[in-house]
């Protein structure tokens, strides 16, 4: 159930991003450290959204892995204590 709700929320956010991006056809100049580029605003929105999603997933993955390691450590200690008694 949780997976379905998460999927629907992500689908809704991507739909909103697509609608907003399709309405922004103008060309903007993007200056970054090395050079500059002229790209459509919708492309810039898509790139920004993609980078945000990737950063969010990486942060969530790091947190999940840390919790997984803590859980495995606690289970190992619990099994060791159960063997002693």
C-alpha atoms as a PDB file:
ATOM      1  CA  UNK A   1       0.000   0.000   0.000  1.00  0.00           C
ATOM      2  CA  UNK A   2       2.811   2.394   0.913  1.00  0.00           C
ATOM      3  CA  UNK A   3       4.523   1.714  -2.416  1.00  0.00           C
ATOM      4  CA  UNK A   4       1.352   2.506  -4.372  1.00  0.00           C
ATOM      5  CA  UNK A   5       0.859   5.806  -2.556  1.00  0.00           C
ATOM      6  CA  UNK A   6       4.508   6.756  -3.130  1.00  0.00           C
ATOM      7  CA  UNK A   7       4.217   5.849  -6.809  1.00  0.00           C
ATOM      8  CA  UNK A   8       1.060   7.967  -7.190  1.00  0.00           C
ATOM      9  CA  UNK A   9       2.690  10.962  -5.497  1.00  0.00           C
ATOM     10  CA  UNK A  10       5.751  10.702  -7.742  1.00  0.00           C
ATOM     11  CA  UNK A  11       3.539  10.316 -10.806  1.00  0.00           C
ATOM     12  CA  UNK A  12       1.533  13.410  -9.816  1.00  0.00           C
ATOM     13  CA  UNK A  13       4.711  15.466  -9.279  1.00  0.00           C
ATOM     14  CA  UNK A  14       6.129  14.386 -12.636  1.00  0.00           C
ATOM     15  CA  UNK A  15       2.845  15.260 -14.332  1.00  0.00           C
ATOM     16  CA  UNK A  16       2.858  18.732 -12.768  1.00  0.00           C
ATOM     17  CA  UNK A  17       6.500  19.202 -13.818  1.00  0.00           C
ATOM     18  CA  UNK A  18       5.658  18.119 -17.373  1.00  0.00           C
ATOM     19  CA  UNK A  19       2.714  20.527 -17.582  1.00  0.00           C
ATOM     20  CA  UNK A  20       4.748  23.427 -16.205  1.00  0.00           C
ATOM     21  CA  UNK A  21       7.661  22.595 -18.479  1.00  0.00           C
ATOM     22  CA  UNK A  22       5.522  22.376 -21.585  1.00  0.00           C
ATOM     23  CA  UNK A  23       4.173  25.883 -20.956  1.00  0.00           C
ATOM     24  CA  UNK A  24       7.663  27.413 -20.755  1.00  0.00           C
ATOM     25  CA  UNK A  25       9.051  27.456 -24.277  1.00  0.00           C
ATOM     26  CA  UNK A  26      11.297  30.507 -23.902  1.00  0.00           C
ATOM     27  CA  UNK A  27      15.062  30.341 -24.340  1.00  0.00           C
ATOM     28  CA  UNK A  28      17.217  31.362 -21.373  1.00  0.00           C
ATOM     29  CA  UNK A  29      20.947  31.811 -20.976  1.00  0.00           C
ATOM     30  CA  UNK A  30      22.456  29.671 -18.238  1.00  0.00           C
ATOM     31  CA  UNK A  31      25.865  30.732 -16.918  1.00  0.00           C
ATOM     32  CA  UNK A  32      27.844  28.084 -15.079  1.00  0.00           C
ATOM     33  CA  UNK A  33      31.468  27.848 -13.965  1.00  0.00           C
ATOM     34  CA  UNK A  34      33.091  26.919 -17.264  1.00  0.00           C
ATOM     35  CA  UNK A  35      30.794  28.307 -19.950  1.00  0.00           C
ATOM     36  CA  UNK A  36      27.274  29.406 -20.741  1.00  0.00           C
ATOM     37  CA  UNK A  37      24.470  27.829 -22.726  1.00  0.00           C
ATOM     38  CA  UNK A  38      21.217  28.935 -24.317  1.00  0.00           C
ATOM     39  CA  UNK A  39      18.567  26.318 -23.541  1.00  0.00           C
ATOM     40  CA  UNK A  40      14.790  26.214 -23.380  1.00  0.00           C
ATOM     41  CA  UNK A  41      13.264  26.913 -19.991  1.00  0.00           C
ATOM     42  CA  UNK A  42      11.374  23.609 -20.078  1.00  0.00           C
ATOM     43  CA  UNK A  43      14.668  21.746 -20.496  1.00  0.00           C
ATOM     44  CA  UNK A  44      16.183  23.668 -17.591  1.00  0.00           C
ATOM     45  CA  UNK A  45      13.197  22.770 -15.403  1.00  0.00           C
ATOM     46  CA  UNK A  46      13.516  19.091 -16.366  1.00  0.00           C
ATOM     47  CA  UNK A  47      17.248  19.072 -15.610  1.00  0.00           C
ATOM     48  CA  UNK A  48      16.702  20.784 -12.243  1.00  0.00           C
ATOM     49  CA  UNK A  49      13.937  18.350 -11.323  1.00  0.00           C
ATOM     50  CA  UNK A  50      16.088  15.369 -12.290  1.00  0.00           C
ATOM     51  CA  UNK A  51      19.042  16.590 -10.248  1.00  0.00           C
ATOM     52  CA  UNK A  52      16.768  17.203  -7.257  1.00  0.00           C
ATOM     53  CA  UNK A  53      15.273  13.708  -7.479  1.00  0.00           C
ATOM     54  CA  UNK A  54      18.710  12.100  -7.769  1.00  0.00           C
ATOM     55  CA  UNK A  55      20.089  14.051  -4.784  1.00  0.00           C
ATOM     56  CA  UNK A  56      17.002  13.143  -2.746  1.00  0.00           C
ATOM     57  CA  UNK A  57      17.335   9.455  -3.598  1.00  0.00           C
ATOM     58  CA  UNK A  58      21.040   9.471  -2.703  1.00  0.00           C
ATOM     59  CA  UNK A  59      20.367  11.100   0.668  1.00  0.00           C
ATOM     60  CA  UNK A  60      17.549   8.655   1.365  1.00  0.00           C
ATOM     61  CA  UNK A  61      19.720   5.703   0.323  1.00  0.00           C
ATOM     62  CA  UNK A  62      22.564   6.794   2.611  1.00  0.00           C
ATOM     63  CA  UNK A  63      20.166   7.100   5.534  1.00  0.00           C
ATOM     64  CA  UNK A  64      18.604   3.724   4.750  1.00  0.00           C
ATOM     65  CA  UNK A  65      22.008   2.017   4.561  1.00  0.00           C
ATOM     66  CA  UNK A  66      23.073   3.539   7.884  1.00  0.00           C
ATOM     67  CA  UNK A  67      19.903   2.261   9.542  1.00  0.00           C
ATOM     68  CA  UNK A  68      20.335  -1.170   7.941  1.00  0.00           C
ATOM     69  CA  UNK A  69      23.882  -1.436   9.342  1.00  0.00           C
ATOM     70  CA  UNK A  70      22.647  -0.404  12.806  1.00  0.00           C
ATOM     71  CA  UNK A  71      19.869  -3.013  12.645  1.00  0.00           C
ATOM     72  CA  UNK A  72      22.265  -5.783  11.624  1.00  0.00           C
ATOM     73  CA  UNK A  73      24.627  -4.799  14.439  1.00  0.00           C
ATOM     74  CA  UNK A  74      21.822  -4.830  17.000  1.00  0.00           C
ATOM     75  CA  UNK A  75      20.573  -8.225  15.764  1.00  0.00           C
ATOM     76  CA  UNK A  76      24.092  -9.609  15.980  1.00  0.00           C
ATOM     77  CA  UNK A  77      24.473  -8.372  19.567  1.00  0.00           C
ATOM     78  CA  UNK A  78      21.064  -9.788  20.462  1.00  0.00           C
ATOM     79  CA  UNK A  79      21.947 -13.233  19.075  1.00  0.00           C
ATOM     80  CA  UNK A  80      25.273 -13.160  20.948  1.00  0.00           C
ATOM     81  CA  UNK A  81      23.491 -12.312  24.208  1.00  0.00           C
ATOM     82  CA  UNK A  82      20.892 -15.054  23.642  1.00  0.00           C
ATOM     83  CA  UNK A  83      23.669 -17.642  23.189  1.00  0.00           C
ATOM     84  CA  UNK A  84      25.289 -16.576  26.483  1.00  0.00           C
ATOM     85  CA  UNK A  85      22.107 -17.298  28.428  1.00  0.00           C
END
